[in-house]
């Protein structure tokens, strides 16, 4: 079971990196560009990408815990 968890963890981590990079690339204002912080409502694809990122984080944590739990067997 351990090799399957390792492969799943690698796949989820790569997907998580890609989704975070897609979110950061979409931002035009930031700390270093001098933009002001404003409240925005996420809509459409941006909202779906945000929710998918949260799902991937939860999945990554779950797989990591299972990997540690079954790693000692």
PDB file of N, CA and C in Angstrom:
ATOM      1  N   UNK A   1       0.824  -1.199   0.000  1.00  0.00           N
ATOM      2  CA  UNK A   1       0.000   0.000   0.000  1.00  0.00           C
ATOM      3  C   UNK A   1       0.864   1.257   0.000  1.00  0.00           C
ATOM      4  N   UNK A   2       2.036   1.163   0.596  1.00  0.00           N
ATOM      5  CA  UNK A   2       2.925   2.325   0.704  1.00  0.00           C
ATOM      6  C   UNK A   2       3.342   2.889  -0.654  1.00  0.00           C
ATOM      7  N   UNK A   3       3.714   2.055  -1.663  1.00  0.00           N
ATOM      8  CA  UNK A   3       4.103   2.643  -2.958  1.00  0.00           C
ATOM      9  C   UNK A   3       2.956   3.408  -3.624  1.00  0.00           C
ATOM     10  N   UNK A   4       1.729   2.934  -3.430  1.00  0.00           N
ATOM     11  CA  UNK A   4       0.582   3.632  -4.008  1.00  0.00           C
ATOM     12  C   UNK A   4       0.382   4.992  -3.349  1.00  0.00           C
ATOM     13  N   UNK A   5       0.605   5.051  -2.058  1.00  0.00           N
ATOM     14  CA  UNK A   5       0.480   6.329  -1.354  1.00  0.00           C
ATOM     15  C   UNK A   5       1.569   7.300  -1.790  1.00  0.00           C
ATOM     16  N   UNK A   6       2.766   6.791  -2.017  1.00  0.00           N
ATOM     17  CA  UNK A   6       3.860   7.660  -2.480  1.00  0.00           C
ATOM     18  C   UNK A   6       3.553   8.249  -3.856  1.00  0.00           C
ATOM     19  N   UNK A   7       3.059   7.419  -4.760  1.00  0.00           N
ATOM     20  CA  UNK A   7       2.714   7.891  -6.104  1.00  0.00           C
ATOM     21  C   UNK A   7       1.568   8.897  -6.032  1.00  0.00           C
ATOM     22  N   UNK A   8       0.555   8.594  -5.213  1.00  0.00           N
ATOM     23  CA  UNK A   8      -0.576   9.511  -5.066  1.00  0.00           C
ATOM     24  C   UNK A   8      -0.125  10.843  -4.476  1.00  0.00           C
ATOM     25  N   UNK A   9       0.796  10.797  -3.525  1.00  0.00           N
ATOM     26  CA  UNK A   9       1.293  12.021  -2.904  1.00  0.00           C
ATOM     27  C   UNK A   9       2.068  12.878  -3.915  1.00  0.00           C
ATOM     28  N   UNK A  10       2.839  12.239  -4.763  1.00  0.00           N
ATOM     29  CA  UNK A  10       3.581  12.980  -5.794  1.00  0.00           C
ATOM     30  C   UNK A  10       2.622  13.624  -6.792  1.00  0.00           C
ATOM     31  N   UNK A  11       1.620  12.887  -7.224  1.00  0.00           N
ATOM     32  CA  UNK A  11       0.659  13.423  -8.196  1.00  0.00           C
ATOM     33  C   UNK A  11      -0.112  14.592  -7.603  1.00  0.00           C
ATOM     34  N   UNK A  12      -0.579  14.441  -6.365  1.00  0.00           N
ATOM     35  CA  UNK A  12      -1.339  15.513  -5.717  1.00  0.00           C
ATOM     36  C   UNK A  12      -0.453  16.734  -5.493  1.00  0.00           C
ATOM     37  N   UNK A  13       0.798  16.523  -5.121  1.00  0.00           N
ATOM     38  CA  UNK A  13       1.689  17.667  -4.887  1.00  0.00           C
ATOM     39  C   UNK A  13       1.973  18.431  -6.178  1.00  0.00           C
ATOM     40  N   UNK A  14       2.144  17.725  -7.289  1.00  0.00           N
ATOM     41  CA  UNK A  14       2.362  18.402  -8.572  1.00  0.00           C
ATOM     42  C   UNK A  14       1.111  19.189  -8.973  1.00  0.00           C
ATOM     43  N   UNK A  15      -0.061  18.589  -8.808  1.00  0.00           N
ATOM     44  CA  UNK A  15      -1.308  19.301  -9.115  1.00  0.00           C
ATOM     45  C   UNK A  15      -1.484  20.521  -8.216  1.00  0.00           C
ATOM     46  N   UNK A  16      -1.107  20.390  -6.958  1.00  0.00           N
ATOM     47  CA  UNK A  16      -1.214  21.506  -6.016  1.00  0.00           C
ATOM     48  C   UNK A  16      -0.289  22.649  -6.414  1.00  0.00           C
ATOM     49  N   UNK A  17       0.929  22.325  -6.809  1.00  0.00           N
ATOM     50  CA  UNK A  17       1.872  23.354  -7.265  1.00  0.00           C
ATOM     51  C   UNK A  17       1.330  24.085  -8.488  1.00  0.00           C
ATOM     52  N   UNK A  18       0.780  23.321  -9.425  1.00  0.00           N
ATOM     53  CA  UNK A  18       0.251  23.928 -10.655  1.00  0.00           C
ATOM     54  C   UNK A  18      -0.930  24.857 -10.345  1.00  0.00           C
ATOM     55  N   UNK A  19      -1.852  24.419  -9.477  1.00  0.00           N
ATOM     56  CA  UNK A  19      -3.008  25.261  -9.175  1.00  0.00           C
ATOM     57  C   UNK A  19      -2.608  26.528  -8.423  1.00  0.00           C
ATOM     58  N   UNK A  20      -1.635  26.420  -7.524  1.00  0.00           N
ATOM     59  CA  UNK A  20      -1.178  27.620  -6.811  1.00  0.00           C
ATOM     60  C   UNK A  20      -0.504  28.582  -7.787  1.00  0.00           C
ATOM     61  N   UNK A  21       0.304  28.061  -8.687  1.00  0.00           N
ATOM     62  CA  UNK A  21       0.959  28.929  -9.674  1.00  0.00           C
ATOM     63  C   UNK A  21      -0.046  29.582 -10.607  1.00  0.00           C
ATOM     64  N   UNK A  22      -1.103  28.881 -10.962  1.00  0.00           N
ATOM     65  CA  UNK A  22      -2.143  29.474 -11.799  1.00  0.00           C
ATOM     66  C   UNK A  22      -2.854  30.607 -11.069  1.00  0.00           C
ATOM     67  N   UNK A  23      -3.053  30.467  -9.776  1.00  0.00           N
ATOM     68  CA  UNK A  23      -3.692  31.530  -9.003  1.00  0.00           C
ATOM     69  C   UNK A  23      -2.784  32.741  -8.873  1.00  0.00           C
ATOM     70  N   UNK A  24      -1.514  32.524  -8.620  1.00  0.00           N
ATOM     71  CA  UNK A  24      -0.570  33.636  -8.454  1.00  0.00           C
ATOM     72  C   UNK A  24      -0.385  34.368  -9.772  1.00  0.00           C
ATOM     73  N   UNK A  25      -0.358  33.633 -10.875  1.00  0.00           N
ATOM     74  CA  UNK A  25      -0.171  34.251 -12.185  1.00  0.00           C
ATOM     75  C   UNK A  25      -1.346  35.170 -12.540  1.00  0.00           C
ATOM     76  N   UNK A  26      -2.522  34.852 -12.039  1.00  0.00           N
ATOM     77  CA  UNK A  26      -3.695  35.659 -12.324  1.00  0.00           C
ATOM     78  C   UNK A  26      -3.757  36.960 -11.543  1.00  0.00           C
ATOM     79  N   UNK A  27      -2.952  37.102 -10.505  1.00  0.00           N
ATOM     80  CA  UNK A  27      -2.957  38.325  -9.699  1.00  0.00           C
ATOM     81  C   UNK A  27      -2.128  39.407 -10.376  1.00  0.00           C
ATOM     82  N   UNK A  28      -2.677  40.613 -10.440  1.00  0.00           N
ATOM     83  CA  UNK A  28      -1.940  41.703 -11.064  1.00  0.00           C
ATOM     84  C   UNK A  28      -1.353  42.661 -10.040  1.00  0.00           C
ATOM     85  N   UNK A  29      -1.939  42.703  -8.841  1.00  0.00           N
ATOM     86  CA  UNK A  29      -1.399  43.586  -7.814  1.00  0.00           C
ATOM     87  C   UNK A  29      -0.817  42.748  -6.700  1.00  0.00           C
ATOM     88  N   UNK A  30       0.165  43.264  -6.055  1.00  0.00           N
ATOM     89  CA  UNK A  30       0.797  42.524  -4.979  1.00  0.00           C
ATOM     90  C   UNK A  30       1.637  43.438  -4.124  1.00  0.00           C
ATOM     91  N   UNK A  31       2.388  42.864  -3.249  1.00  0.00           N
ATOM     92  CA  UNK A  31       3.214  43.634  -2.328  1.00  0.00           C
ATOM     93  C   UNK A  31       4.307  44.379  -3.078  1.00  0.00           C
ATOM     94  N   UNK A  32       4.940  43.723  -4.027  1.00  0.00           N
ATOM     95  CA  UNK A  32       6.081  44.316  -4.707  1.00  0.00           C
ATOM     96  C   UNK A  32       5.692  45.238  -5.856  1.00  0.00           C
ATOM     97  N   UNK A  33       4.448  45.173  -6.309  1.00  0.00           N
ATOM     98  CA  UNK A  33       4.028  46.039  -7.411  1.00  0.00           C
ATOM     99  C   UNK A  33       3.391  47.331  -6.917  1.00  0.00           C
ATOM    100  N   UNK A  34       3.200  47.467  -5.613  1.00  0.00           N
ATOM    101  CA  UNK A  34       2.668  48.708  -5.071  1.00  0.00           C
ATOM    102  C   UNK A  34       1.158  48.813  -5.133  1.00  0.00           C
ATOM    103  N   UNK A  35       0.465  47.717  -5.420  1.00  0.00           N
ATOM    104  CA  UNK A  35      -0.992  47.744  -5.493  1.00  0.00           C
ATOM    105  C   UNK A  35      -1.618  47.789  -4.118  1.00  0.00           C
ATOM    106  N   UNK A  36      -2.821  48.320  -4.070  1.00  0.00           N
ATOM    107  CA  UNK A  36      -3.524  48.396  -2.805  1.00  0.00           C
ATOM    108  C   UNK A  36      -4.353  47.131  -2.623  1.00  0.00           C
ATOM    109  N   UNK A  37      -4.517  46.722  -1.381  1.00  0.00           N
ATOM    110  CA  UNK A  37      -5.318  45.540  -1.076  1.00  0.00           C
ATOM    111  C   UNK A  37      -6.791  45.892  -1.224  1.00  0.00           C
ATOM    112  N   UNK A  38      -7.483  45.164  -2.051  1.00  0.00           N
ATOM    113  CA  UNK A  38      -8.913  45.373  -2.243  1.00  0.00           C
ATOM    114  C   UNK A  38      -9.626  44.046  -2.087  1.00  0.00           C
ATOM    115  N   UNK A  39     -10.890  44.113  -1.715  1.00  0.00           N
ATOM    116  CA  UNK A  39     -11.704  42.924  -1.575  1.00  0.00           C
ATOM    117  C   UNK A  39     -12.302  42.575  -2.924  1.00  0.00           C
ATOM    118  N   UNK A  40     -12.092  41.327  -3.337  1.00  0.00           N
ATOM    119  CA  UNK A  40     -12.659  40.873  -4.607  1.00  0.00           C
ATOM    120  C   UNK A  40     -13.453  39.601  -4.369  1.00  0.00           C
ATOM    121  N   UNK A  41     -14.488  39.439  -5.141  1.00  0.00           N
ATOM    122  CA  UNK A  41     -15.295  38.228  -5.085  1.00  0.00           C
ATOM    123  C   UNK A  41     -14.796  37.297  -6.172  1.00  0.00           C
ATOM    124  N   UNK A  42     -14.524  36.051  -5.776  1.00  0.00           N
ATOM    125  CA  UNK A  42     -14.074  35.063  -6.762  1.00  0.00           C
ATOM    126  C   UNK A  42     -15.290  34.562  -7.524  1.00  0.00           C
ATOM    127  N   UNK A  43     -15.189  34.542  -8.839  1.00  0.00           N
ATOM    128  CA  UNK A  43     -16.287  34.078  -9.672  1.00  0.00           C
ATOM    129  C   UNK A  43     -15.760  33.191 -10.777  1.00  0.00           C
ATOM    130  N   UNK A  44     -16.605  32.305 -11.235  1.00  0.00           N
ATOM    131  CA  UNK A  44     -16.294  31.491 -12.395  1.00  0.00           C
ATOM    132  C   UNK A  44     -15.108  30.567 -12.183  1.00  0.00           C
ATOM    133  N   UNK A  45     -14.189  30.610 -13.126  1.00  0.00           N
ATOM    134  CA  UNK A  45     -13.025  29.733 -13.115  1.00  0.00           C
ATOM    135  C   UNK A  45     -12.124  30.008 -11.919  1.00  0.00           C
ATOM    136  N   UNK A  46     -12.014  31.262 -11.519  1.00  0.00           N
ATOM    137  CA  UNK A  46     -11.170  31.612 -10.374  1.00  0.00           C
ATOM    138  C   UNK A  46     -11.690  30.962  -9.094  1.00  0.00           C
ATOM    139  N   UNK A  47     -12.998  30.946  -8.919  1.00  0.00           N
ATOM    140  CA  UNK A  47     -13.597  30.322  -7.740  1.00  0.00           C
ATOM    141  C   UNK A  47     -13.409  28.809  -7.771  1.00  0.00           C
ATOM    142  N   UNK A  48     -13.611  28.219  -8.935  1.00  0.00           N
ATOM    143  CA  UNK A  48     -13.428  26.779  -9.087  1.00  0.00           C
ATOM    144  C   UNK A  48     -11.982  26.385  -8.810  1.00  0.00           C
ATOM    145  N   UNK A  49     -11.042  27.161  -9.305  1.00  0.00           N
ATOM    146  CA  UNK A  49      -9.628  26.896  -9.068  1.00  0.00           C
ATOM    147  C   UNK A  49      -9.283  27.025  -7.587  1.00  0.00           C
ATOM    148  N   UNK A  50      -9.860  27.997  -6.916  1.00  0.00           N
ATOM    149  CA  UNK A  50      -9.640  28.187  -5.478  1.00  0.00           C
ATOM    150  C   UNK A  50     -10.174  27.005  -4.686  1.00  0.00           C
ATOM    151  N   UNK A  51     -11.377  26.551  -5.003  1.00  0.00           N
ATOM    152  CA  UNK A  51     -11.964  25.405  -4.307  1.00  0.00           C
ATOM    153  C   UNK A  51     -11.194  24.118  -4.599  1.00  0.00           C
ATOM    154  N   UNK A  52     -10.710  23.966  -5.836  1.00  0.00           N
ATOM    155  CA  UNK A  52      -9.910  22.805  -6.201  1.00  0.00           C
ATOM    156  C   UNK A  52      -8.591  22.789  -5.426  1.00  0.00           C
ATOM    157  N   UNK A  53      -8.018  23.974  -5.198  1.00  0.00           N
ATOM    158  CA  UNK A  53      -6.790  24.079  -4.412  1.00  0.00           C
ATOM    159  C   UNK A  53      -7.024  23.629  -2.976  1.00  0.00           C
ATOM    160  N   UNK A  54      -8.132  24.044  -2.393  1.00  0.00           N
ATOM    161  CA  UNK A  54      -8.470  23.625  -1.035  1.00  0.00           C
ATOM    162  C   UNK A  54      -8.653  22.112  -0.982  1.00  0.00           C
ATOM    163  N   UNK A  55      -9.336  21.547  -1.953  1.00  0.00           N
ATOM    164  CA  UNK A  55      -9.530  20.104  -2.016  1.00  0.00           C
ATOM    165  C   UNK A  55      -8.188  19.371  -2.108  1.00  0.00           C
ATOM    166  N   UNK A  56      -7.281  19.883  -2.932  1.00  0.00           N
ATOM    167  CA  UNK A  56      -5.968  19.257  -3.081  1.00  0.00           C
ATOM    168  C   UNK A  56      -5.156  19.329  -1.788  1.00  0.00           C
ATOM    169  N   UNK A  57      -5.257  20.434  -1.068  1.00  0.00           N
ATOM    170  CA  UNK A  57      -4.537  20.570   0.209  1.00  0.00           C
ATOM    171  C   UNK A  57      -5.049  19.543   1.213  1.00  0.00           C
ATOM    172  N   UNK A  58      -6.360  19.403   1.310  1.00  0.00           N
ATOM    173  CA  UNK A  58      -6.943  18.429   2.234  1.00  0.00           C
ATOM    174  C   UNK A  58      -6.537  17.016   1.828  1.00  0.00           C
ATOM    175  N   UNK A  59      -6.581  16.726   0.543  1.00  0.00           N
ATOM    176  CA  UNK A  59      -6.186  15.417   0.042  1.00  0.00           C
ATOM    177  C   UNK A  59      -4.711  15.137   0.300  1.00  0.00           C
ATOM    178  N   UNK A  60      -3.872  16.146   0.107  1.00  0.00           N
ATOM    179  CA  UNK A  60      -2.436  15.990   0.353  1.00  0.00           C
ATOM    180  C   UNK A  60      -2.157  15.694   1.826  1.00  0.00           C
ATOM    181  N   UNK A  61      -2.823  16.410   2.716  1.00  0.00           N
ATOM    182  CA  UNK A  61      -2.634  16.181   4.150  1.00  0.00           C
ATOM    183  C   UNK A  61      -3.111  14.780   4.534  1.00  0.00           C
ATOM    184  N   UNK A  62      -4.249  14.367   4.001  1.00  0.00           N
ATOM    185  CA  UNK A  62      -4.781  13.041   4.295  1.00  0.00           C
ATOM    186  C   UNK A  62      -3.833  11.940   3.810  1.00  0.00           C
ATOM    187  N   UNK A  63      -3.334  12.065   2.596  1.00  0.00           N
ATOM    188  CA  UNK A  63      -2.396  11.069   2.064  1.00  0.00           C
ATOM    189  C   UNK A  63      -1.103  11.064   2.870  1.00  0.00           C
ATOM    190  N   UNK A  64      -0.635  12.231   3.273  1.00  0.00           N
ATOM    191  CA  UNK A  64       0.594  12.303   4.076  1.00  0.00           C
ATOM    192  C   UNK A  64       0.427  11.613   5.422  1.00  0.00           C
ATOM    193  N   UNK A  65      -0.701  11.826   6.065  1.00  0.00           N
ATOM    194  CA  UNK A  65      -0.962  11.182   7.355  1.00  0.00           C
ATOM    195  C   UNK A  65      -1.059   9.672   7.176  1.00  0.00           C
ATOM    196  N   UNK A  66      -1.755   9.234   6.128  1.00  0.00           N
ATOM    197  CA  UNK A  66      -1.862   7.793   5.871  1.00  0.00           C
ATOM    198  C   UNK A  66      -0.501   7.195   5.545  1.00  0.00           C
ATOM    199  N   UNK A  67       0.314   7.936   4.839  1.00  0.00           N
ATOM    200  CA  UNK A  67       1.645   7.449   4.489  1.00  0.00           C
ATOM    201  C   UNK A  67       2.513   7.266   5.728  1.00  0.00           C
ATOM    202  N   UNK A  68       2.426   8.189   6.655  1.00  0.00           N
ATOM    203  CA  UNK A  68       3.180   8.079   7.909  1.00  0.00           C
ATOM    204  C   UNK A  68       2.604   6.933   8.755  1.00  0.00           C
ATOM    205  N   UNK A  69       1.305   6.817   8.773  1.00  0.00           N
ATOM    206  CA  UNK A  69       0.646   5.781   9.586  1.00  0.00           C
ATOM    207  C   UNK A  69       1.031   4.377   9.112  1.00  0.00           C
ATOM    208  N   UNK A  70       0.992   4.148   7.794  1.00  0.00           N
ATOM    209  CA  UNK A  70       1.283   2.828   7.248  1.00  0.00           C
ATOM    210  C   UNK A  70       2.756   2.644   6.891  1.00  0.00           C
ATOM    211  N   UNK A  71       3.574   3.658   7.120  1.00  0.00           N
ATOM    212  CA  UNK A  71       4.990   3.559   6.802  1.00  0.00           C
ATOM    213  C   UNK A  71       5.757   2.659   7.750  1.00  0.00           C
ATOM    214  N   UNK A  72       5.235   2.479   8.952  1.00  0.00           N
ATOM    215  CA  UNK A  72       5.953   1.661   9.935  1.00  0.00           C
ATOM    216  C   UNK A  72       5.621   0.179   9.822  1.00  0.00           C
ATOM    217  N   UNK A  73       4.703  -0.171   8.918  1.00  0.00           N
ATOM    218  CA  UNK A  73       4.330  -1.598   8.771  1.00  0.00           C
ATOM    219  C   UNK A  73       5.331  -2.356   7.961  1.00  0.00           C
TER     220      UNK A  73
END
